[in-house]
Protein backbone atom coordinates (compact mmCIF):
# COMPACT_ATOMS: atom_id res chain seq x y z
CA MET A 1 54.40 -163.00 129.31
CA LYS A 2 55.35 -165.11 132.32
CA THR A 3 58.94 -165.49 133.53
CA LEU A 4 60.72 -168.84 133.72
CA VAL A 5 64.19 -168.81 135.27
CA LEU A 6 66.62 -171.55 134.23
CA ALA A 7 68.72 -172.45 137.26
CA SER A 8 71.91 -172.77 135.24
CA LYS A 9 75.06 -170.99 134.05
CA ASN A 10 75.85 -173.72 131.51
CA ARG A 11 75.54 -171.79 128.25
CA GLY A 12 75.17 -174.94 126.14
CA LYS A 13 72.36 -176.23 128.32
CA ILE A 14 70.64 -172.82 128.43
CA ARG A 15 70.81 -172.50 124.64
CA GLU A 16 69.31 -175.99 124.15
CA ILE A 17 66.42 -175.44 126.56
CA GLU A 18 65.64 -171.97 125.16
CA GLU A 19 65.44 -173.47 121.67
CA MET A 20 63.17 -176.31 122.82
CA LEU A 21 60.76 -173.90 124.58
CA ARG A 22 60.67 -171.39 121.73
CA GLY A 23 57.17 -170.12 120.94
CA LEU A 24 55.71 -170.55 124.41
CA PRO A 25 54.38 -167.45 126.24
CA TRP A 26 57.26 -167.45 128.72
CA GLU A 27 60.21 -165.09 129.01
CA ILE A 28 63.23 -167.33 129.55
CA LYS A 29 65.90 -166.04 131.92
CA SER A 30 68.94 -167.70 133.48
CA LEU A 31 71.29 -167.18 136.40
CA TYR A 32 73.19 -164.69 134.23
CA ASP A 33 70.17 -162.40 134.80
CA TYR A 34 70.56 -162.81 138.58
CA PRO A 35 74.30 -162.41 139.26
CA ASP A 36 73.76 -162.12 143.03
CA CYS A 37 71.86 -165.41 143.26
CA PRO A 38 73.63 -167.82 145.65
CA GLU A 39 75.28 -170.83 144.03
CA PRO A 40 73.27 -173.91 145.06
CA ALA A 41 75.36 -176.67 146.67
CA GLU A 42 74.67 -179.84 144.69
CA THR A 43 74.89 -182.23 147.62
CA GLY A 44 72.17 -184.67 146.54
CA GLU A 45 72.79 -188.33 145.82
CA THR A 46 70.38 -188.40 142.85
CA PHE A 47 69.64 -186.23 139.83
CA LEU A 48 66.21 -185.41 141.28
CA ALA A 49 67.65 -184.35 144.64
CA ASN A 50 70.17 -182.01 142.98
CA ALA A 51 67.61 -180.53 140.59
CA LEU A 52 65.29 -179.85 143.50
CA ILE A 53 68.07 -178.18 145.53
CA LYS A 54 68.86 -175.89 142.60
CA ALA A 55 65.22 -175.10 141.84
CA ARG A 56 64.30 -174.31 145.44
CA THR A 57 67.37 -172.13 146.04
CA VAL A 58 66.86 -170.05 142.89
CA SER A 59 63.10 -169.71 143.33
CA ARG A 60 63.52 -168.44 146.89
CA HIS A 61 66.00 -165.83 145.64
CA THR A 62 64.07 -164.70 142.55
CA SER A 63 60.45 -165.35 143.65
CA GLU A 64 59.90 -166.70 140.12
CA VAL A 65 58.93 -170.04 138.61
CA VAL A 66 62.22 -171.92 138.15
CA LEU A 67 63.26 -174.76 135.90
CA ALA A 68 66.23 -176.75 137.20
CA ASP A 69 67.90 -179.59 135.38
CA ASP A 70 70.27 -182.17 136.72
CA SER A 71 71.62 -184.54 134.17
CA GLY A 72 74.60 -186.71 133.57
CA LEU A 73 76.15 -189.82 132.18
CA GLU A 74 75.61 -193.28 133.66
CA VAL A 75 78.04 -195.93 132.42
CA ASP A 76 76.92 -199.55 132.82
CA ALA A 77 80.42 -200.98 133.38
CA LEU A 78 81.09 -198.37 136.09
CA GLY A 79 77.95 -199.12 138.09
CA GLY A 80 76.26 -195.90 136.99
CA GLU A 81 79.29 -193.64 137.40
CA PRO A 82 79.94 -190.77 136.91
CA GLY A 83 76.23 -190.08 137.53
CA VAL A 84 75.62 -187.00 139.68
CA ARG A 85 79.37 -186.32 139.57
CA SER A 86 79.41 -186.06 135.76
CA ALA A 87 80.31 -182.35 135.66
CA ARG A 88 83.13 -182.81 138.17
CA TYR A 89 84.31 -186.33 137.36
CA ALA A 90 87.93 -185.18 137.04
CA GLY A 91 87.61 -182.88 140.06
CA GLU A 92 85.91 -179.64 141.04
CA GLY A 93 86.04 -177.11 138.22
CA ALA A 94 87.14 -179.72 135.68
CA SER A 95 86.73 -178.86 132.01
CA ASP A 96 84.78 -181.01 129.55
CA ASP A 97 88.06 -182.26 128.05
CA GLU A 98 89.40 -183.21 131.50
CA ASN A 99 86.22 -185.12 132.34
CA ASN A 100 86.34 -186.93 128.99
CA ASP A 101 90.01 -187.84 129.51
CA GLN A 102 89.21 -189.18 132.97
CA LEU A 103 86.39 -191.33 131.62
CA LEU A 104 88.64 -192.75 128.89
CA ARG A 105 91.32 -193.58 131.47
CA VAL A 106 88.86 -195.34 133.77
CA MET A 107 87.39 -197.31 130.86
CA SER A 108 90.67 -198.16 129.13
CA ASP A 109 90.29 -201.87 129.95
CA VAL A 110 86.54 -202.14 129.27
CA PRO A 111 86.12 -204.15 126.03
CA GLU A 112 83.86 -203.26 123.13
CA GLY A 113 80.43 -204.74 123.75
CA GLN A 114 80.53 -203.78 127.43
CA ARG A 115 80.64 -200.00 127.01
CA GLY A 116 76.92 -199.29 127.17
CA ALA A 117 75.82 -196.03 128.81
CA ALA A 118 72.92 -193.64 129.15
CA PHE A 119 72.50 -189.91 129.39
CA ARG A 120 69.80 -189.12 131.96
CA CYS A 121 68.01 -185.83 132.56
CA VAL A 122 65.69 -184.86 135.40
CA LEU A 123 63.86 -181.52 135.28
CA VAL A 124 62.11 -179.85 138.19
CA LEU A 125 59.61 -177.06 137.53
CA TYR A 126 59.34 -175.26 140.85
CA HIS A 127 56.74 -172.68 141.88
CA PRO A 128 57.58 -170.06 144.54
CA ARG A 129 54.71 -171.35 146.68
CA GLY A 130 56.70 -174.58 147.11
CA ASP A 131 55.06 -177.16 144.87
CA TYR A 132 56.82 -178.70 141.89
CA VAL A 133 56.51 -181.21 139.05
CA THR A 134 59.23 -183.38 137.49
CA PHE A 135 60.04 -184.63 133.99
CA GLU A 136 62.63 -187.19 132.90
CA GLY A 137 64.40 -188.44 129.79
CA THR A 138 66.93 -191.22 129.02
CA TRP A 139 69.14 -191.65 125.94
CA ARG A 140 71.07 -194.91 125.41
CA GLY A 141 74.41 -195.17 123.65
CA VAL A 142 77.96 -196.51 123.87
CA ILE A 143 81.18 -194.94 125.15
CA ALA A 144 83.59 -194.56 122.23
CA SER A 145 87.30 -195.32 122.61
CA SER A 146 88.24 -191.80 121.46
CA PRO A 147 86.40 -188.49 121.03
CA ALA A 148 84.89 -187.42 117.71
CA GLY A 149 82.97 -184.32 116.65
CA THR A 150 82.92 -180.68 117.63
CA GLU A 151 79.25 -179.95 118.35
CA GLY A 152 77.57 -180.03 121.74
CA PHE A 153 79.33 -180.08 125.10
CA GLY A 154 80.16 -182.34 128.03
CA TYR A 155 80.55 -186.03 127.11
CA ASP A 156 78.98 -185.59 123.64
CA PRO A 157 82.26 -186.43 121.79
CA LEU A 158 82.43 -189.83 123.54
CA PHE A 159 78.74 -190.79 123.44
CA TYR A 160 78.39 -192.96 120.36
CA LEU A 161 75.03 -193.80 118.80
CA PRO A 162 75.32 -197.19 117.01
CA GLU A 163 72.10 -196.66 115.06
CA ARG A 164 73.51 -193.43 113.58
CA GLY A 165 77.18 -194.41 113.37
CA LEU A 166 78.05 -191.06 114.96
CA THR A 167 78.82 -189.53 118.33
CA VAL A 168 76.46 -186.90 119.70
CA ALA A 169 79.13 -184.28 118.96
CA GLN A 170 78.84 -185.22 115.26
CA LEU A 171 75.10 -184.53 115.17
CA THR A 172 73.72 -181.17 114.14
CA PRO A 173 72.22 -179.17 117.03
CA GLU A 174 68.79 -179.75 115.47
CA GLU A 175 69.28 -183.54 115.46
CA LYS A 176 70.53 -183.53 119.05
CA ASN A 177 67.58 -181.41 120.18
CA ARG A 178 65.23 -183.93 118.57
CA LEU A 179 66.80 -187.07 120.08
CA SER A 180 68.47 -186.25 123.39
CA HIS A 181 67.61 -187.11 126.97
CA ARG A 182 67.08 -183.39 127.59
CA SER A 183 64.80 -183.04 124.59
CA GLN A 184 62.67 -185.94 125.86
CA ALA A 185 62.32 -184.30 129.29
CA VAL A 186 61.78 -180.79 127.90
CA GLY A 187 59.25 -182.16 125.42
CA ARG A 188 57.20 -183.48 128.34
CA LEU A 189 57.66 -180.15 130.13
CA ARG A 190 56.53 -178.26 127.01
CA LYS A 191 53.31 -180.30 126.78
CA TYR A 192 52.69 -179.61 130.47
CA LEU A 193 53.21 -175.85 130.06
CA GLN A 194 50.90 -175.82 127.04
CA SER A 195 48.17 -177.52 129.11
CA LEU A 196 48.23 -174.92 131.88
CA ASP A 197 45.81 -172.16 132.63
CA PRO A 198 47.49 -168.73 132.99
CA ASP A 199 49.43 -169.76 136.12
CA PRO A 200 51.78 -172.75 136.34
């Protein structure tokens, strides 16, 4: 059994990725298993840059293969904001509710029909020897005028799927894991891991 360290302390994200990789011959760990691991500074200007910073930092500390994810919400009317600042849109340490409230405030004057958005996910699978591969996923939707639903995390209560008539927070976890930006990226990662010889 090989070890794969998820470079995250986001319990929702960890739970989703663990579920999507279930059945593979990898022992999944997270930063909760390495409490002395330094907190990577997410100073990149892109999702890929931040994922790579996290992956490299954690791999150097653990000497293990690391999977790092950087993902976020890109709103068309806001020129791609909040983007890499999605987790701290309302300020450092902001809660999900605070970030959602901030987004609703900023978009209060954006009319229906111009509220298109996308969740984007970039994964980096990083080997301690320094090489890495990347996987991406994109999920289109619309920013609702008010939150709905209790499942998921982050901007899920505001991310409305017109084809389903529901927000992501109104989907079951199984539905979300089948449709989401992260599931697209992890699905590509899973196929890659399945194609490997014993070493990644």
